C-alpha atoms as a PDB file:
ATOM      1  CA  MET A   1     138.147  56.029  80.717  1.00  0.00           C
ATOM      2  CA  LYS A   2     140.957  58.432  81.370  1.00  0.00           C
ATOM      3  CA  SER A   3     144.058  56.291  81.657  1.00  0.00           C
ATOM      4  CA  TRP A   4     145.357  52.755  81.956  1.00  0.00           C
ATOM      5  CA  ALA A   5     148.066  51.073  83.990  1.00  0.00           C
ATOM      6  CA  GLY A   6     149.022  47.454  83.600  1.00  0.00           C
ATOM      7  CA  CYS A   7     151.733  44.952  84.286  1.00  0.00           C
ATOM      8  CA  ALA A   8     152.589  41.435  83.140  1.00  0.00           C
ATOM      9  CA  LEU A   9     153.724  39.440  86.156  1.00  0.00           C
ATOM     10  CA  ARG A  10     154.971  35.873  86.310  1.00  0.00           C
ATOM     11  CA  GLU A  11     151.712  34.942  88.079  1.00  0.00           C
ATOM     12  CA  GLY A  12     149.466  36.657  85.493  1.00  0.00           C
ATOM     13  CA  LEU A  13     148.263  40.015  84.215  1.00  0.00           C
ATOM     14  CA  TRP A  14     147.211  43.056  86.201  1.00  0.00           C
ATOM     15  CA  ASP A  15     145.180  45.910  84.706  1.00  0.00           C
ATOM     16  CA  GLU A  16     143.721  49.127  86.106  1.00  0.00           C
ATOM     17  CA  TRP A  17     141.786  51.937  84.486  1.00  0.00           C
ATOM     18  CA  LEU A  18     141.067  55.412  85.845  1.00  0.00           C
ATOM     19  CA  VAL A  19     137.369  55.998  85.121  1.00  0.00           C
ATOM     20  CA  LEU A  20     135.285  59.144  85.360  1.00  0.00           C
ATOM     21  CA  LEU A  21     131.830  58.628  86.901  1.00  0.00           C
ATOM     22  CA  ASN A  22     129.099  61.092  85.921  1.00  0.00           C
ATOM     23  CA  GLY A  23     131.773  63.149  84.223  1.00  0.00           C
ATOM     24  CA  GLN A  24     133.203  64.278  87.591  1.00  0.00           C
ATOM     25  CA  GLU A  25     134.071  61.603  90.159  1.00  0.00           C
ATOM     26  CA  GLU A  26     137.248  59.586  89.590  1.00  0.00           C
ATOM     27  CA  ALA A  27     137.445  55.895  90.456  1.00  0.00           C
ATOM     28  CA  TRP A  28     139.821  53.013  89.658  1.00  0.00           C
ATOM     29  CA  LEU A  29     138.563  49.892  87.897  1.00  0.00           C
ATOM     30  CA  GLN A  30     140.813  46.887  88.468  1.00  0.00           C
ATOM     31  CA  GLU A  31     140.712  43.557  86.613  1.00  0.00           C
ATOM     32  CA  ASP A  32     142.400  40.549  88.167  1.00  0.00           C
ATOM     33  CA  GLU A  33     141.903  37.025  86.795  1.00  0.00           C
ATOM     34  CA  GLY A  34     138.511  37.914  85.312  1.00  0.00           C
ATOM     35  CA  GLU A  35     137.204  39.668  88.452  1.00  0.00           C
ATOM     36  CA  LEU A  36     136.439  43.399  88.367  1.00  0.00           C
ATOM     37  CA  THR A  37     136.704  45.713  91.392  1.00  0.00           C
ATOM     38  CA  LEU A  38     135.788  49.403  91.483  1.00  0.00           C
ATOM     39  CA  PHE A  39     137.622  51.608  93.996  1.00  0.00           C
ATOM     40  CA  ARG A  40     136.478  55.120  94.819  1.00  0.00           C
ATOM     41  CA  LYS A  41     136.958  57.665  97.573  1.00  0.00           C
ATOM     42  CA  ALA A  42     134.473  57.886 100.426  1.00  0.00           C
ATOM     43  CA  GLN A  43     134.160  59.794 103.663  1.00  0.00           C
ATOM     44  CA  ILE A  44     133.740  57.892 106.926  1.00  0.00           C
ATOM     45  CA  SER A  45     131.346  59.210 109.559  1.00  0.00           C
ATOM     46  CA  GLY A  46     131.013  58.023 113.131  1.00  0.00           C
ATOM     47  CA  GLN A  47     133.543  56.169 115.251  1.00  0.00           C
ATOM     48  CA  THR A  48     136.288  54.040 113.781  1.00  0.00           C
ATOM     49  CA  PRO A  49     138.282  51.527 115.839  1.00  0.00           C
ATOM     50  CA  ALA A  50     141.907  52.281 116.629  1.00  0.00           C
ATOM     51  CA  PHE A  51     144.216  50.500 114.188  1.00  0.00           C
ATOM     52  CA  ASP A  52     145.988  48.456 116.875  1.00  0.00           C
ATOM     53  CA  THR A  53     142.662  47.068 118.183  1.00  0.00           C
ATOM     54  CA  ILE A  54     141.608  45.434 114.893  1.00  0.00           C
ATOM     55  CA  LYS A  55     142.225  41.676 114.692  1.00  0.00           C
ATOM     56  CA  VAL A  56     142.542  39.323 111.710  1.00  0.00           C
ATOM     57  CA  SER A  57     139.084  38.139 110.500  1.00  0.00           C
ATOM     58  CA  GLN A  58     137.327  40.835 112.566  1.00  0.00           C
ATOM     59  CA  THR A  59     134.432  42.586 110.815  1.00  0.00           C
ATOM     60  CA  VAL A  60     134.399  46.375 111.042  1.00  0.00           C
ATOM     61  CA  THR A  61     131.279  48.237 109.895  1.00  0.00           C
ATOM     62  CA  LEU A  62     131.836  51.760 108.593  1.00  0.00           C
ATOM     63  CA  GLN A  63     129.341  54.441 107.604  1.00  0.00           C
ATOM     64  CA  LEU A  64     130.533  55.576 104.169  1.00  0.00           C
ATOM     65  CA  HIS A  65     129.370  58.620 102.224  1.00  0.00           C
ATOM     66  CA  PRO A  66     130.453  60.020  98.854  1.00  0.00           C
ATOM     67  CA  PRO A  67     133.167  62.676  99.265  1.00  0.00           C
ATOM     68  CA  GLU A  68     131.980  66.270  99.337  1.00  0.00           C
ATOM     69  CA  LYS A  69     132.153  67.965  95.968  1.00  0.00           C
ATOM     70  CA  ARG A  70     134.880  70.575  95.645  1.00  0.00           C
ATOM     71  CA  GLN A  71     133.838  74.063  94.680  1.00  0.00           C
ATOM     72  CA  SER A  72     135.547  75.191  91.511  1.00  0.00           C
ATOM     73  CA  GLY A  73     136.735  78.700  90.898  1.00  0.00           C
END
């Protein structure tokens, strides 16, 4: 893990770690009340609905792909 961010709130603790996957891809690991969530970048392909057309409780299906690797040098 590369780094850590955390905060003690009146409602409880909040922790995040910046992790390195396969030695290259960065992701955030978040712990909240014993539950872990991993966030990482992805590219969306295909159509996405306009923001103002999305309603509360509506399900939106997205085609996600890992981000393209950057060329170094």
